[in-house]
C-alpha atoms as a PDB file:
ATOM      1  CA  MET A   1       2.080   2.794  -2.642  1.00  0.00           C
ATOM      2  CA  GLY A   2       0.675   4.896  -5.445  1.00  0.00           C
ATOM      3  CA  ARG A   3      -1.756   7.757  -5.262  1.00  0.00           C
ATOM      4  CA  LEU A   4      -4.071   9.917  -7.382  1.00  0.00           C
ATOM      5  CA  THR A   5      -3.785  13.709  -7.356  1.00  0.00           C
ATOM      6  CA  THR A   6      -4.999  16.626  -9.456  1.00  0.00           C
ATOM      7  CA  HIS A   7      -4.280  20.314  -9.988  1.00  0.00           C
ATOM      8  CA  ILE A   8      -6.390  22.851 -11.883  1.00  0.00           C
ATOM      9  CA  LEU A   9      -4.995  25.989 -13.492  1.00  0.00           C
ATOM     10  CA  ASP A  10      -7.194  28.756 -14.883  1.00  0.00           C
ATOM     11  CA  THR A  11      -5.290  29.664 -18.057  1.00  0.00           C
ATOM     12  CA  ALA A  12      -7.577  32.622 -18.829  1.00  0.00           C
ATOM     13  CA  LEU A  13      -6.720  34.293 -15.520  1.00  0.00           C
ATOM     14  CA  GLY A  14      -3.201  32.902 -15.228  1.00  0.00           C
ATOM     15  CA  ARG A  15      -3.676  31.462 -11.744  1.00  0.00           C
ATOM     16  CA  PRO A  16      -4.699  28.302  -9.882  1.00  0.00           C
ATOM     17  CA  ALA A  17      -8.423  27.502  -9.917  1.00  0.00           C
ATOM     18  CA  GLY A  18      -9.397  27.645  -6.239  1.00  0.00           C
ATOM     19  CA  GLY A  19     -12.911  26.693  -5.173  1.00  0.00           C
ATOM     20  CA  LEU A  20     -13.586  24.268  -8.043  1.00  0.00           C
ATOM     21  CA  LYS A  21     -15.690  21.222  -7.124  1.00  0.00           C
ATOM     22  CA  ILE A  22     -14.471  17.810  -8.316  1.00  0.00           C
ATOM     23  CA  GLU A  23     -16.267  14.468  -8.103  1.00  0.00           C
ATOM     24  CA  LEU A  24     -14.366  11.175  -8.296  1.00  0.00           C
ATOM     25  CA  TRP A  25     -16.208   8.137  -9.663  1.00  0.00           C
ATOM     26  CA  SER A  26     -15.213   4.493 -10.050  1.00  0.00           C
ATOM     27  CA  LEU A  27     -16.360   3.041 -13.379  1.00  0.00           C
ATOM     28  CA  GLU A  28     -15.799  -0.587 -12.429  1.00  0.00           C
ATOM     29  CA  GLU A  29     -18.925  -2.760 -12.893  1.00  0.00           C
ATOM     30  CA  ASN A  30     -21.567  -0.333 -11.580  1.00  0.00           C
ATOM     31  CA  PRO A  31     -20.379   3.306 -11.636  1.00  0.00           C
ATOM     32  CA  SER A  32     -20.138   4.595  -8.083  1.00  0.00           C
ATOM     33  CA  HIS A  33     -19.354   7.946  -6.524  1.00  0.00           C
ATOM     34  CA  ILE A  34     -16.233   7.803  -4.342  1.00  0.00           C
ATOM     35  CA  LYS A  35     -15.910  11.369  -3.090  1.00  0.00           C
ATOM     36  CA  THR A  36     -16.417  15.051  -3.752  1.00  0.00           C
ATOM     37  CA  VAL A  37     -13.689  17.607  -3.019  1.00  0.00           C
ATOM     38  CA  VAL A  38     -13.070  21.306  -3.619  1.00  0.00           C
ATOM     39  CA  THR A  39      -9.747  22.781  -4.698  1.00  0.00           C
ATOM     40  CA  ASN A  40      -7.852  25.076  -2.350  1.00  0.00           C
ATOM     41  CA  HIS A  41      -6.291  28.474  -3.203  1.00  0.00           C
ATOM     42  CA  ASP A  42      -3.465  26.649  -5.011  1.00  0.00           C
ATOM     43  CA  GLY A  43      -5.866  24.766  -7.310  1.00  0.00           C
ATOM     44  CA  ARG A  44      -5.124  21.501  -5.507  1.00  0.00           C
ATOM     45  CA  VAL A  45      -6.974  19.352  -3.001  1.00  0.00           C
ATOM     46  CA  ASP A  46      -5.535  18.998   0.480  1.00  0.00           C
ATOM     47  CA  ALA A  47      -4.970  15.232   0.280  1.00  0.00           C
ATOM     48  CA  PRO A  48      -4.661  12.656  -2.512  1.00  0.00           C
ATOM     49  CA  LEU A  49      -7.963  11.730  -4.140  1.00  0.00           C
ATOM     50  CA  LEU A  50      -6.974   8.080  -3.721  1.00  0.00           C
ATOM     51  CA  ASP A  51      -4.143   6.467  -1.794  1.00  0.00           C
ATOM     52  CA  GLY A  52      -3.453   3.495   0.451  1.00  0.00           C
ATOM     53  CA  GLU A  53      -6.018   0.704   0.252  1.00  0.00           C
ATOM     54  CA  GLU A  54      -8.422   2.934  -1.745  1.00  0.00           C
ATOM     55  CA  PHE A  55      -5.922   3.212  -4.609  1.00  0.00           C
ATOM     56  CA  LYS A  56      -6.815   0.338  -6.943  1.00  0.00           C
ATOM     57  CA  VAL A  57      -6.284  -0.653 -10.562  1.00  0.00           C
ATOM     58  CA  GLY A  58      -9.341   0.273 -12.604  1.00  0.00           C
ATOM     59  CA  GLN A  59     -11.268   2.815 -14.633  1.00  0.00           C
ATOM     60  CA  TYR A  60     -12.149   6.161 -13.051  1.00  0.00           C
ATOM     61  CA  GLU A  61     -13.768   9.462 -13.920  1.00  0.00           C
ATOM     62  CA  LEU A  62     -13.098  12.919 -12.543  1.00  0.00           C
ATOM     63  CA  ARG A  63     -15.967  15.374 -13.009  1.00  0.00           C
ATOM     64  CA  PHE A  64     -14.703  18.939 -12.892  1.00  0.00           C
ATOM     65  CA  HIS A  65     -17.518  21.450 -12.199  1.00  0.00           C
ATOM     66  CA  ALA A  66     -16.015  24.109 -14.444  1.00  0.00           C
ATOM     67  CA  GLY A  67     -19.187  26.089 -15.180  1.00  0.00           C
ATOM     68  CA  ALA A  68     -19.878  27.007 -11.555  1.00  0.00           C
ATOM     69  CA  TYR A  69     -16.200  27.849 -11.012  1.00  0.00           C
ATOM     70  CA  LEU A  70     -16.004  30.039 -14.137  1.00  0.00           C
ATOM     71  CA  LYS A  71     -19.184  31.892 -13.152  1.00  0.00           C
ATOM     72  CA  SER A  72     -17.657  32.572  -9.722  1.00  0.00           C
ATOM     73  CA  THR A  73     -14.661  34.273 -11.369  1.00  0.00           C
ATOM     74  CA  GLY A  74     -16.892  36.709 -13.247  1.00  0.00           C
ATOM     75  CA  ALA A  75     -15.958  35.217 -16.631  1.00  0.00           C
ATOM     76  CA  SER A  76     -18.237  36.297 -19.478  1.00  0.00           C
ATOM     77  CA  LEU A  77     -20.125  33.095 -20.266  1.00  0.00           C
ATOM     78  CA  SER A  78     -22.998  32.120 -22.511  1.00  0.00           C
ATOM     79  CA  GLU A  79     -26.121  30.639 -20.966  1.00  0.00           C
ATOM     80  CA  PRO A  80     -25.855  27.754 -20.759  1.00  0.00           C
ATOM     81  CA  PRO A  81     -22.065  27.927 -20.509  1.00  0.00           C
ATOM     82  CA  PHE A  82     -20.037  26.220 -23.228  1.00  0.00           C
ATOM     83  CA  LEU A  83     -18.230  24.168 -20.559  1.00  0.00           C
ATOM     84  CA  ASP A  84     -20.132  23.030 -17.499  1.00  0.00           C
ATOM     85  CA  VAL A  85     -19.187  19.673 -15.984  1.00  0.00           C
ATOM     86  CA  ILE A  86     -16.077  18.241 -17.642  1.00  0.00           C
ATOM     87  CA  PRO A  87     -15.907  14.417 -17.369  1.00  0.00           C
ATOM     88  CA  LEU A  88     -12.421  12.988 -17.654  1.00  0.00           C
ATOM     89  CA  ARG A  89     -12.100   9.195 -17.875  1.00  0.00           C
ATOM     90  CA  PHE A  90      -8.782   7.501 -17.243  1.00  0.00           C
ATOM     91  CA  GLY A  91      -7.321   4.201 -16.134  1.00  0.00           C
ATOM     92  CA  ILE A  92      -5.014   3.265 -13.291  1.00  0.00           C
ATOM     93  CA  ALA A  93      -2.910   0.295 -14.359  1.00  0.00           C
ATOM     94  CA  ASN A  94      -0.184   0.211 -11.685  1.00  0.00           C
ATOM     95  CA  LYS A  95      -0.872   0.533  -7.943  1.00  0.00           C
ATOM     96  CA  ALA A  96       2.745   1.485  -7.267  1.00  0.00           C
ATOM     97  CA  GLU A  97       2.757   4.656  -9.386  1.00  0.00           C
ATOM     98  CA  HIS A  98       1.667   8.237  -8.821  1.00  0.00           C
ATOM     99  CA  TYR A  99      -1.134   9.279 -11.182  1.00  0.00           C
ATOM    100  CA  HIS A 100      -1.397  13.062 -11.424  1.00  0.00           C
ATOM    101  CA  VAL A 101      -4.257  14.344 -13.599  1.00  0.00           C
ATOM    102  CA  PRO A 102      -3.997  18.128 -14.083  1.00  0.00           C
ATOM    103  CA  LEU A 103      -6.572  20.254 -15.864  1.00  0.00           C
ATOM    104  CA  LEU A 104      -5.756  23.469 -17.738  1.00  0.00           C
ATOM    105  CA  LEU A 105      -9.019  25.397 -17.980  1.00  0.00           C
ATOM    106  CA  SER A 106     -10.462  28.438 -19.755  1.00  0.00           C
ATOM    107  CA  PRO A 107     -14.104  29.354 -20.514  1.00  0.00           C
ATOM    108  CA  TYR A 108     -13.971  27.795 -24.004  1.00  0.00           C
ATOM    109  CA  GLY A 109     -11.401  25.037 -23.769  1.00  0.00           C
ATOM    110  CA  TYR A 110      -9.407  22.685 -21.586  1.00  0.00           C
ATOM    111  CA  SER A 111      -6.552  20.218 -21.788  1.00  0.00           C
ATOM    112  CA  THR A 112      -5.154  17.511 -19.595  1.00  0.00           C
ATOM    113  CA  TYR A 113      -2.267  15.063 -19.475  1.00  0.00           C
ATOM    114  CA  ARG A 114      -0.697  12.574 -17.110  1.00  0.00           C
ATOM    115  CA  GLY A 115       1.574  14.672 -14.946  1.00  0.00           C
ATOM    116  CA  SER A 116       4.144  13.745 -12.361  1.00  0.00           C
END
């Protein structure tokens, strides 16, 4: 069975982004909140965001609460911050594959890709 995971790295500080809140939403038919998690000291969550019977083909959105995290690090931010909640929409097309969605984050930019 496939699964969905994520990992956040703070590129400005050169370390994993621990304590960052992430919401997972399903965008099928009526958007619905699936769960909210917080990254651990390694910038990961302790279990897959989706796996088993929960892991389904469809459209999803991860909402990374970057603004609150960046403020907690003492980063010099504007008010309001340039980046606050980062929505990342993606599709799961194959239930048998591992979908890893990492986020590379700094106060004024981010990037993502499909990892392994």
